[in-house]
Amino acid sequence: MSIGHTSSQMALRDPDIRLMLRVRDDDAAAFGELVERFQHRLVAVMHHLVGSADEAEDLAQEVFLRVYRTRKKYTPKAKFSTWLFTIANNLALNSLRDRKRRPVLPLEVRDSGPLGTRPTESLAPTRDNPPAHNLQQQELADIIRTALDGLNERQRMAIVLNKFEDMNYADIADVMGLSTKAVKSLLSRARSKLRDALQDYIYMDGEAPPGEDVCTETDSGDAGAEPI
């Protein structure tokens, strides 16, 4: 089967690939649509990986710049989202490694902007979200952030792609350049660490509500539906 025919078949199944093929043909509107479609998801993933809202924004912008700069060489071999998050994975890992080589002191929350490092968690309370609720949500977000920070880089990436992008083993393997078996092992170890870190906060009485089991894993090969 020719590359052109393969690309056409994949484009029929993936509307994002169709958009990217238009980007390859210098369609500015298509590029704008891709950015709009993926920007918030990409920033959210980057934020979970690097822990800084500002850095997440910068890295997401760099991902889109690389997409645009390499548009003429684009040939669909996987889902567009897989290709996009492969670029994001590489940039995030490079950023984290650079940070280790050149450690910097973190900014205080009050110095990072009028709304702090997590704007959506610092908005004025409403009738639906009273101050106590907002405080609890922020505390839980900080606890989860700390738990994620306790994972190594690859475990964190696997968990973030699985839980926030709903990727299965095969897609995560493509993004991270690993085998599906290695991804399953990464997720298993990451879930175990997260359960240990979060068990005292999620269920204060030590028991999950009826019908819920945060520790369940399956061997289905589809990580998208598995709980932590």
C-alpha atoms as a PDB file:
ATOM      1  CA  MET A   1       0.000   0.000   0.000  1.00  0.00           C
ATOM      2  CA  SER A   2       1.446   3.379  -0.989  1.00  0.00           C
ATOM      3  CA  ILE A   3       2.174   6.125   1.548  1.00  0.00           C
ATOM      4  CA  GLY A   4      -0.324   8.399  -0.167  1.00  0.00           C
ATOM      5  CA  HIS A   5      -3.066   5.802   0.028  1.00  0.00           C
ATOM      6  CA  THR A   6      -2.236   5.105   3.694  1.00  0.00           C
ATOM      7  CA  SER A   7      -2.415   8.830   4.480  1.00  0.00           C
ATOM      8  CA  SER A   8      -5.777   9.081   2.783  1.00  0.00           C
ATOM      9  CA  GLN A   9      -7.153   6.138   4.742  1.00  0.00           C
ATOM     10  CA  MET A  10      -5.944   7.595   8.047  1.00  0.00           C
ATOM     11  CA  ALA A  11      -7.329  11.024   7.172  1.00  0.00           C
ATOM     12  CA  LEU A  12     -10.749   9.489   6.662  1.00  0.00           C
ATOM     13  CA  ARG A  13     -10.684   8.141  10.208  1.00  0.00           C
ATOM     14  CA  ASP A  14      -9.070  11.111  11.962  1.00  0.00           C
ATOM     15  CA  PRO A  15     -10.425  14.651  11.389  1.00  0.00           C
ATOM     16  CA  ASP A  16      -7.318  16.077  13.093  1.00  0.00           C
ATOM     17  CA  ILE A  17      -5.154  14.466  10.426  1.00  0.00           C
ATOM     18  CA  ARG A  18      -7.318  16.113   7.774  1.00  0.00           C
ATOM     19  CA  LEU A  19      -6.708  19.452   9.461  1.00  0.00           C
ATOM     20  CA  MET A  20      -2.957  18.831   9.637  1.00  0.00           C
ATOM     21  CA  LEU A  21      -2.836  17.904   5.965  1.00  0.00           C
ATOM     22  CA  ARG A  22      -4.420  21.294   5.248  1.00  0.00           C
ATOM     23  CA  VAL A  23      -1.774  22.888   7.475  1.00  0.00           C
ATOM     24  CA  ARG A  24       0.849  21.108   5.397  1.00  0.00           C
ATOM     25  CA  ASP A  25      -0.687  22.846   2.384  1.00  0.00           C
ATOM     26  CA  ASP A  26      -0.267  26.241   4.111  1.00  0.00           C
ATOM     27  CA  ASP A  27      -3.885  26.654   5.174  1.00  0.00           C
ATOM     28  CA  ALA A  28      -3.572  29.221   7.993  1.00  0.00           C
ATOM     29  CA  ALA A  29      -7.180  28.756   9.094  1.00  0.00           C
ATOM     30  CA  ALA A  30      -6.607  25.023   9.569  1.00  0.00           C
ATOM     31  CA  PHE A  31      -3.589  25.711  11.782  1.00  0.00           C
ATOM     32  CA  GLY A  32      -5.628  28.122  13.883  1.00  0.00           C
ATOM     33  CA  GLU A  33      -8.313  25.473  14.285  1.00  0.00           C
ATOM     34  CA  LEU A  34      -5.763  22.881  15.395  1.00  0.00           C
ATOM     35  CA  VAL A  35      -4.338  25.273  17.975  1.00  0.00           C
ATOM     36  CA  GLU A  36      -7.805  26.066  19.287  1.00  0.00           C
ATOM     37  CA  ARG A  37      -8.696  22.373  19.453  1.00  0.00           C
ATOM     38  CA  PHE A  38      -5.599  21.249  21.341  1.00  0.00           C
ATOM     39  CA  GLN A  39      -4.254  24.272  23.193  1.00  0.00           C
ATOM     40  CA  HIS A  40      -6.072  23.811  26.499  1.00  0.00           C
ATOM     41  CA  ARG A  41      -5.438  20.067  26.556  1.00  0.00           C
ATOM     42  CA  LEU A  42      -1.769  20.560  25.788  1.00  0.00           C
ATOM     43  CA  VAL A  43      -1.288  23.263  28.415  1.00  0.00           C
ATOM     44  CA  ALA A  44      -3.055  21.112  31.018  1.00  0.00           C
ATOM     45  CA  VAL A  45      -0.829  18.108  30.274  1.00  0.00           C
ATOM     46  CA  MET A  46       2.307  20.249  30.347  1.00  0.00           C
ATOM     47  CA  HIS A  47       1.228  21.802  33.641  1.00  0.00           C
ATOM     48  CA  HIS A  48       0.872  18.376  35.227  1.00  0.00           C
ATOM     49  CA  LEU A  49       4.292  17.383  33.902  1.00  0.00           C
ATOM     50  CA  VAL A  50       6.375  20.463  34.729  1.00  0.00           C
ATOM     51  CA  GLY A  51       4.366  21.962  37.603  1.00  0.00           C
ATOM     52  CA  SER A  52       4.483  25.553  36.359  1.00  0.00           C
ATOM     53  CA  ALA A  53       1.593  27.272  34.593  1.00  0.00           C
ATOM     54  CA  ASP A  54       3.858  29.791  32.857  1.00  0.00           C
ATOM     55  CA  GLU A  55       6.299  27.117  31.695  1.00  0.00           C
ATOM     56  CA  ALA A  56       3.395  24.963  30.518  1.00  0.00           C
ATOM     57  CA  GLU A  57       2.133  27.837  28.350  1.00  0.00           C
ATOM     58  CA  ASP A  58       5.618  28.366  26.889  1.00  0.00           C
ATOM     59  CA  LEU A  59       6.109  24.674  26.164  1.00  0.00           C
ATOM     60  CA  ALA A  60       2.696  24.358  24.531  1.00  0.00           C
ATOM     61  CA  GLN A  61       3.538  27.308  22.297  1.00  0.00           C
ATOM     62  CA  GLU A  62       6.831  25.643  21.377  1.00  0.00           C
ATOM     63  CA  VAL A  63       4.965  22.436  20.473  1.00  0.00           C
ATOM     64  CA  PHE A  64       2.748  24.332  18.042  1.00  0.00           C
ATOM     65  CA  LEU A  65       5.755  26.163  16.601  1.00  0.00           C
ATOM     66  CA  ARG A  66       7.438  22.841  15.899  1.00  0.00           C
ATOM     67  CA  VAL A  67       4.266  21.503  14.333  1.00  0.00           C
ATOM     68  CA  TYR A  68       4.146  24.485  12.000  1.00  0.00           C
ATOM     69  CA  ARG A  69       7.865  24.459  11.170  1.00  0.00           C
ATOM     70  CA  THR A  70       7.796  20.768  10.244  1.00  0.00           C
ATOM     71  CA  ARG A  71       4.429  20.867   8.456  1.00  0.00           C
ATOM     72  CA  LYS A  72       5.928  20.218   5.018  1.00  0.00           C
ATOM     73  CA  LYS A  73       7.467  16.955   6.233  1.00  0.00           C
ATOM     74  CA  TYR A  74       4.291  15.721   7.904  1.00  0.00           C
ATOM     75  CA  THR A  75       3.189  12.219   6.899  1.00  0.00           C
ATOM     76  CA  PRO A  76       0.465  10.651   9.055  1.00  0.00           C
ATOM     77  CA  LYS A  77       1.617   7.368  10.564  1.00  0.00           C
ATOM     78  CA  ALA A  78      -0.521   7.491  13.707  1.00  0.00           C
ATOM     79  CA  LYS A  79      -3.362   9.523  15.131  1.00  0.00           C
ATOM     80  CA  PHE A  80      -2.605  13.234  15.074  1.00  0.00           C
ATOM     81  CA  SER A  81      -2.955  13.495  18.866  1.00  0.00           C
ATOM     82  CA  THR A  82      -0.344  10.755  19.274  1.00  0.00           C
ATOM     83  CA  TRP A  83       2.098  12.650  17.068  1.00  0.00           C
ATOM     84  CA  LEU A  84       1.378  15.932  18.846  1.00  0.00           C
ATOM     85  CA  PHE A  85       1.889  14.509  22.323  1.00  0.00           C
ATOM     86  CA  THR A  86       5.071  12.763  21.204  1.00  0.00           C
ATOM     87  CA  ILE A  87       6.479  16.233  20.491  1.00  0.00           C
ATOM     88  CA  ALA A  88       5.100  17.444  23.826  1.00  0.00           C
ATOM     89  CA  ASN A  89       6.671  14.502  25.676  1.00  0.00           C
ATOM     90  CA  ASN A  90      10.108  15.210  24.227  1.00  0.00           C
ATOM     91  CA  LEU A  91       9.907  18.924  25.041  1.00  0.00           C
ATOM     92  CA  ALA A  92       8.700  18.296  28.589  1.00  0.00           C
ATOM     93  CA  LEU A  93      11.479  15.788  29.265  1.00  0.00           C
ATOM     94  CA  ASN A  94      14.082  18.193  27.873  1.00  0.00           C
ATOM     95  CA  SER A  95      12.716  20.976  30.068  1.00  0.00           C
ATOM     96  CA  LEU A  96      12.806  18.814  33.197  1.00  0.00           C
ATOM     97  CA  ARG A  97      16.369  17.676  32.456  1.00  0.00           C
ATOM     98  CA  ASP A  98      17.500  21.253  31.846  1.00  0.00           C
ATOM     99  CA  ARG A  99      15.940  22.217  35.175  1.00  0.00           C
ATOM    100  CA  LYS A 100      17.982  19.525  36.930  1.00  0.00           C
ATOM    101  CA  ARG A 101      21.166  20.828  35.327  1.00  0.00           C
ATOM    102  CA  ARG A 102      20.320  24.443  36.157  1.00  0.00           C
ATOM    103  CA  PRO A 103      18.163  24.428  39.298  1.00  0.00           C
ATOM    104  CA  VAL A 104      16.271  27.625  40.028  1.00  0.00           C
ATOM    105  CA  LEU A 105      14.396  28.781  43.102  1.00  0.00           C
ATOM    106  CA  PRO A 106      10.617  28.539  42.625  1.00  0.00           C
ATOM    107  CA  LEU A 107       8.602  31.731  42.756  1.00  0.00           C
ATOM    108  CA  GLU A 108       6.245  32.294  45.627  1.00  0.00           C
ATOM    109  CA  VAL A 109       2.607  31.964  44.573  1.00  0.00           C
ATOM    110  CA  ARG A 110       2.007  35.660  45.250  1.00  0.00           C
ATOM    111  CA  ASP A 111       4.856  36.594  42.874  1.00  0.00           C
ATOM    112  CA  SER A 112       3.591  34.602  39.905  1.00  0.00           C
ATOM    113  CA  GLY A 113       0.726  36.878  38.957  1.00  0.00           C
ATOM    114  CA  PRO A 114      -2.459  38.373  40.335  1.00  0.00           C
ATOM    115  CA  LEU A 115      -4.184  35.001  40.367  1.00  0.00           C
ATOM    116  CA  GLY A 116      -1.214  32.844  41.366  1.00  0.00           C
ATOM    117  CA  THR A 117       0.095  29.736  39.660  1.00  0.00           C
ATOM    118  CA  ARG A 118      -3.329  28.148  39.114  1.00  0.00           C
ATOM    119  CA  PRO A 119      -5.694  30.888  37.899  1.00  0.00           C
ATOM    120  CA  THR A 120      -8.741  28.645  37.597  1.00  0.00           C
ATOM    121  CA  GLU A 121      -8.403  27.594  41.227  1.00  0.00           C
ATOM    122  CA  SER A 122      -8.072  31.179  42.497  1.00  0.00           C
ATOM    123  CA  LEU A 123     -11.088  32.812  40.905  1.00  0.00           C
ATOM    124  CA  ALA A 124     -13.571  34.672  43.084  1.00  0.00           C
ATOM    125  CA  PRO A 125     -16.047  32.300  44.779  1.00  0.00           C
ATOM    126  CA  THR A 126     -19.569  32.072  43.429  1.00  0.00           C
ATOM    127  CA  ARG A 127     -22.839  30.813  44.885  1.00  0.00           C
ATOM    128  CA  ASP A 128     -22.032  27.393  43.426  1.00  0.00           C
ATOM    129  CA  ASN A 129     -18.457  27.452  44.744  1.00  0.00           C
ATOM    130  CA  PRO A 130     -18.334  29.012  48.223  1.00  0.00           C
ATOM    131  CA  PRO A 131     -14.950  29.926  49.776  1.00  0.00           C
ATOM    132  CA  ALA A 132     -14.732  26.723  51.833  1.00  0.00           C
ATOM    133  CA  HIS A 133     -15.358  24.613  48.726  1.00  0.00           C
ATOM    134  CA  ASN A 134     -12.714  26.507  46.735  1.00  0.00           C
ATOM    135  CA  LEU A 135     -10.218  26.043  49.558  1.00  0.00           C
ATOM    136  CA  GLN A 136     -10.898  22.311  49.704  1.00  0.00           C
ATOM    137  CA  GLN A 137     -10.506  22.029  45.938  1.00  0.00           C
ATOM    138  CA  GLN A 138      -7.203  23.906  46.024  1.00  0.00           C
ATOM    139  CA  GLU A 139      -5.937  21.777  48.900  1.00  0.00           C
ATOM    140  CA  LEU A 140      -6.854  18.600  47.013  1.00  0.00           C
ATOM    141  CA  ALA A 141      -5.191  19.939  43.847  1.00  0.00           C
ATOM    142  CA  ASP A 142      -2.010  20.627  45.839  1.00  0.00           C
ATOM    143  CA  ILE A 143      -2.098  17.125  47.321  1.00  0.00           C
ATOM    144  CA  ILE A 144      -2.493  15.564  43.870  1.00  0.00           C
ATOM    145  CA  ARG A 145       0.263  17.811  42.526  1.00  0.00           C
ATOM    146  CA  THR A 146       2.589  16.619  45.291  1.00  0.00           C
ATOM    147  CA  ALA A 147       1.649  12.996  44.611  1.00  0.00           C
ATOM    148  CA  LEU A 148       2.405  13.411  40.903  1.00  0.00           C
ATOM    149  CA  ASP A 149       5.729  15.041  41.759  1.00  0.00           C
ATOM    150  CA  GLY A 150       6.591  11.868  43.659  1.00  0.00           C
ATOM    151  CA  LEU A 151       6.561   9.882  40.418  1.00  0.00           C
ATOM    152  CA  ASN A 152       9.543   9.721  38.113  1.00  0.00           C
ATOM    153  CA  GLU A 153       9.330  11.485  34.745  1.00  0.00           C
ATOM    154  CA  ARG A 154       8.191   8.479  32.732  1.00  0.00           C
ATOM    155  CA  GLN A 155       5.628   7.335  35.297  1.00  0.00           C
ATOM    156  CA  ARG A 156       4.186  10.852  35.449  1.00  0.00           C
ATOM    157  CA  MET A 157       3.920  11.093  31.669  1.00  0.00           C
ATOM    158  CA  ALA A 158       2.207   7.700  31.428  1.00  0.00           C
ATOM    159  CA  ILE A 159      -0.303   8.591  34.155  1.00  0.00           C
ATOM    160  CA  VAL A 160      -1.043  12.033  32.715  1.00  0.00           C
ATOM    161  CA  LEU A 161      -1.625  10.678  29.201  1.00  0.00           C
ATOM    162  CA  ASN A 162      -3.781   7.873  30.567  1.00  0.00           C
ATOM    163  CA  LYS A 163      -5.903   9.893  32.973  1.00  0.00           C
ATOM    164  CA  PHE A 164      -6.105  13.283  31.294  1.00  0.00           C
ATOM    165  CA  GLU A 165      -5.912  12.308  27.622  1.00  0.00           C
ATOM    166  CA  ASP A 166      -7.644   8.935  28.048  1.00  0.00           C
ATOM    167  CA  MET A 167      -4.955   7.188  25.995  1.00  0.00           C
ATOM    168  CA  ASN A 168      -4.720   3.406  25.953  1.00  0.00           C
ATOM    169  CA  TYR A 169      -1.526   1.364  26.292  1.00  0.00           C
ATOM    170  CA  ALA A 170      -0.777   1.383  22.563  1.00  0.00           C
ATOM    171  CA  ASP A 171      -1.140   5.147  22.158  1.00  0.00           C
ATOM    172  CA  ILE A 172       0.978   5.868  25.238  1.00  0.00           C
ATOM    173  CA  ALA A 173       3.597   3.433  23.947  1.00  0.00           C
ATOM    174  CA  ASP A 174       3.733   5.323  20.636  1.00  0.00           C
ATOM    175  CA  VAL A 175       4.102   8.678  22.392  1.00  0.00           C
ATOM    176  CA  MET A 176       6.816   7.493  24.762  1.00  0.00           C
ATOM    177  CA  GLY A 177       8.665   5.188  22.386  1.00  0.00           C
ATOM    178  CA  LEU A 178       8.089   2.143  24.603  1.00  0.00           C
ATOM    179  CA  SER A 179       6.487  -1.264  24.288  1.00  0.00           C
ATOM    180  CA  THR A 180       2.928  -1.706  25.509  1.00  0.00           C
ATOM    181  CA  LYS A 181       4.281  -4.104  28.153  1.00  0.00           C
ATOM    182  CA  ALA A 182       6.627  -1.409  29.446  1.00  0.00           C
ATOM    183  CA  VAL A 183       3.752   1.104  29.551  1.00  0.00           C
ATOM    184  CA  LYS A 184       1.582  -1.313  31.517  1.00  0.00           C
ATOM    185  CA  SER A 185       4.409  -1.790  34.017  1.00  0.00           C
ATOM    186  CA  LEU A 186       4.933   1.983  34.300  1.00  0.00           C
ATOM    187  CA  LEU A 187       1.248   2.582  34.946  1.00  0.00           C
ATOM    188  CA  SER A 188       1.052  -0.201  37.500  1.00  0.00           C
ATOM    189  CA  ARG A 189       3.972   1.186  39.521  1.00  0.00           C
ATOM    190  CA  ALA A 190       2.673   4.752  39.172  1.00  0.00           C
ATOM    191  CA  ARG A 191      -0.819   3.792  40.355  1.00  0.00           C
ATOM    192  CA  SER A 192       0.647   1.995  43.355  1.00  0.00           C
ATOM    193  CA  LYS A 193       2.651   5.081  44.342  1.00  0.00           C
ATOM    194  CA  LEU A 194      -0.347   7.367  43.875  1.00  0.00           C
ATOM    195  CA  ARG A 195      -2.600   5.112  45.943  1.00  0.00           C
ATOM    196  CA  ASP A 196      -0.054   5.147  48.775  1.00  0.00           C
ATOM    197  CA  ALA A 197       0.289   8.926  48.580  1.00  0.00           C
ATOM    198  CA  LEU A 198      -3.430   9.702  48.336  1.00  0.00           C
ATOM    199  CA  GLN A 199      -5.163   7.055  50.443  1.00  0.00           C
ATOM    200  CA  ASP A 200      -5.238   9.182  53.608  1.00  0.00           C
ATOM    201  CA  TYR A 201      -6.785  12.105  51.733  1.00  0.00           C
ATOM    202  CA  ILE A 202      -9.254  10.541  49.344  1.00  0.00           C
ATOM    203  CA  TYR A 203     -11.004   8.234  51.818  1.00  0.00           C
ATOM    204  CA  MET A 204     -10.516   9.476  55.351  1.00  0.00           C
ATOM    205  CA  ASP A 205     -12.349   6.441  56.805  1.00  0.00           C
ATOM    206  CA  GLY A 206     -10.072   4.063  54.901  1.00  0.00           C
ATOM    207  CA  GLU A 207     -12.886   2.625  52.792  1.00  0.00           C
ATOM    208  CA  ALA A 208     -13.970   3.474  49.265  1.00  0.00           C
ATOM    209  CA  PRO A 209     -17.640   4.293  48.685  1.00  0.00           C
ATOM    210  CA  PRO A 210     -19.772   1.327  47.506  1.00  0.00           C
ATOM    211  CA  GLY A 211     -19.221   0.528  43.847  1.00  0.00           C
ATOM    212  CA  GLU A 212     -15.872   2.306  43.660  1.00  0.00           C
ATOM    213  CA  ASP A 213     -12.456   0.745  43.721  1.00  0.00           C
ATOM    214  CA  VAL A 214      -9.475   2.989  43.142  1.00  0.00           C
ATOM    215  CA  CYS A 215      -7.117   0.014  43.192  1.00  0.00           C
ATOM    216  CA  THR A 216      -8.695  -2.087  40.452  1.00  0.00           C
ATOM    217  CA  GLU A 217      -6.642  -2.890  37.369  1.00  0.00           C
ATOM    218  CA  THR A 218      -7.504  -5.018  34.383  1.00  0.00           C
ATOM    219  CA  ASP A 219      -5.507  -6.755  31.701  1.00  0.00           C
ATOM    220  CA  SER A 220      -7.688  -5.493  28.888  1.00  0.00           C
ATOM    221  CA  GLY A 221      -4.861  -3.571  27.222  1.00  0.00           C
ATOM    222  CA  ASP A 222      -7.041  -0.491  27.180  1.00  0.00           C
ATOM    223  CA  ALA A 223      -5.711   1.812  29.891  1.00  0.00           C
ATOM    224  CA  GLY A 224      -8.199   4.520  29.060  1.00  0.00           C
ATOM    225  CA  ALA A 225     -10.935   3.065  31.241  1.00  0.00           C
ATOM    226  CA  GLU A 226      -8.828   2.017  34.230  1.00  0.00           C
ATOM    227  CA  PRO A 227      -9.072   3.812  37.554  1.00  0.00           C
ATOM    228  CA  ILE A 228      -5.992   4.797  39.492  1.00  0.00           C
END
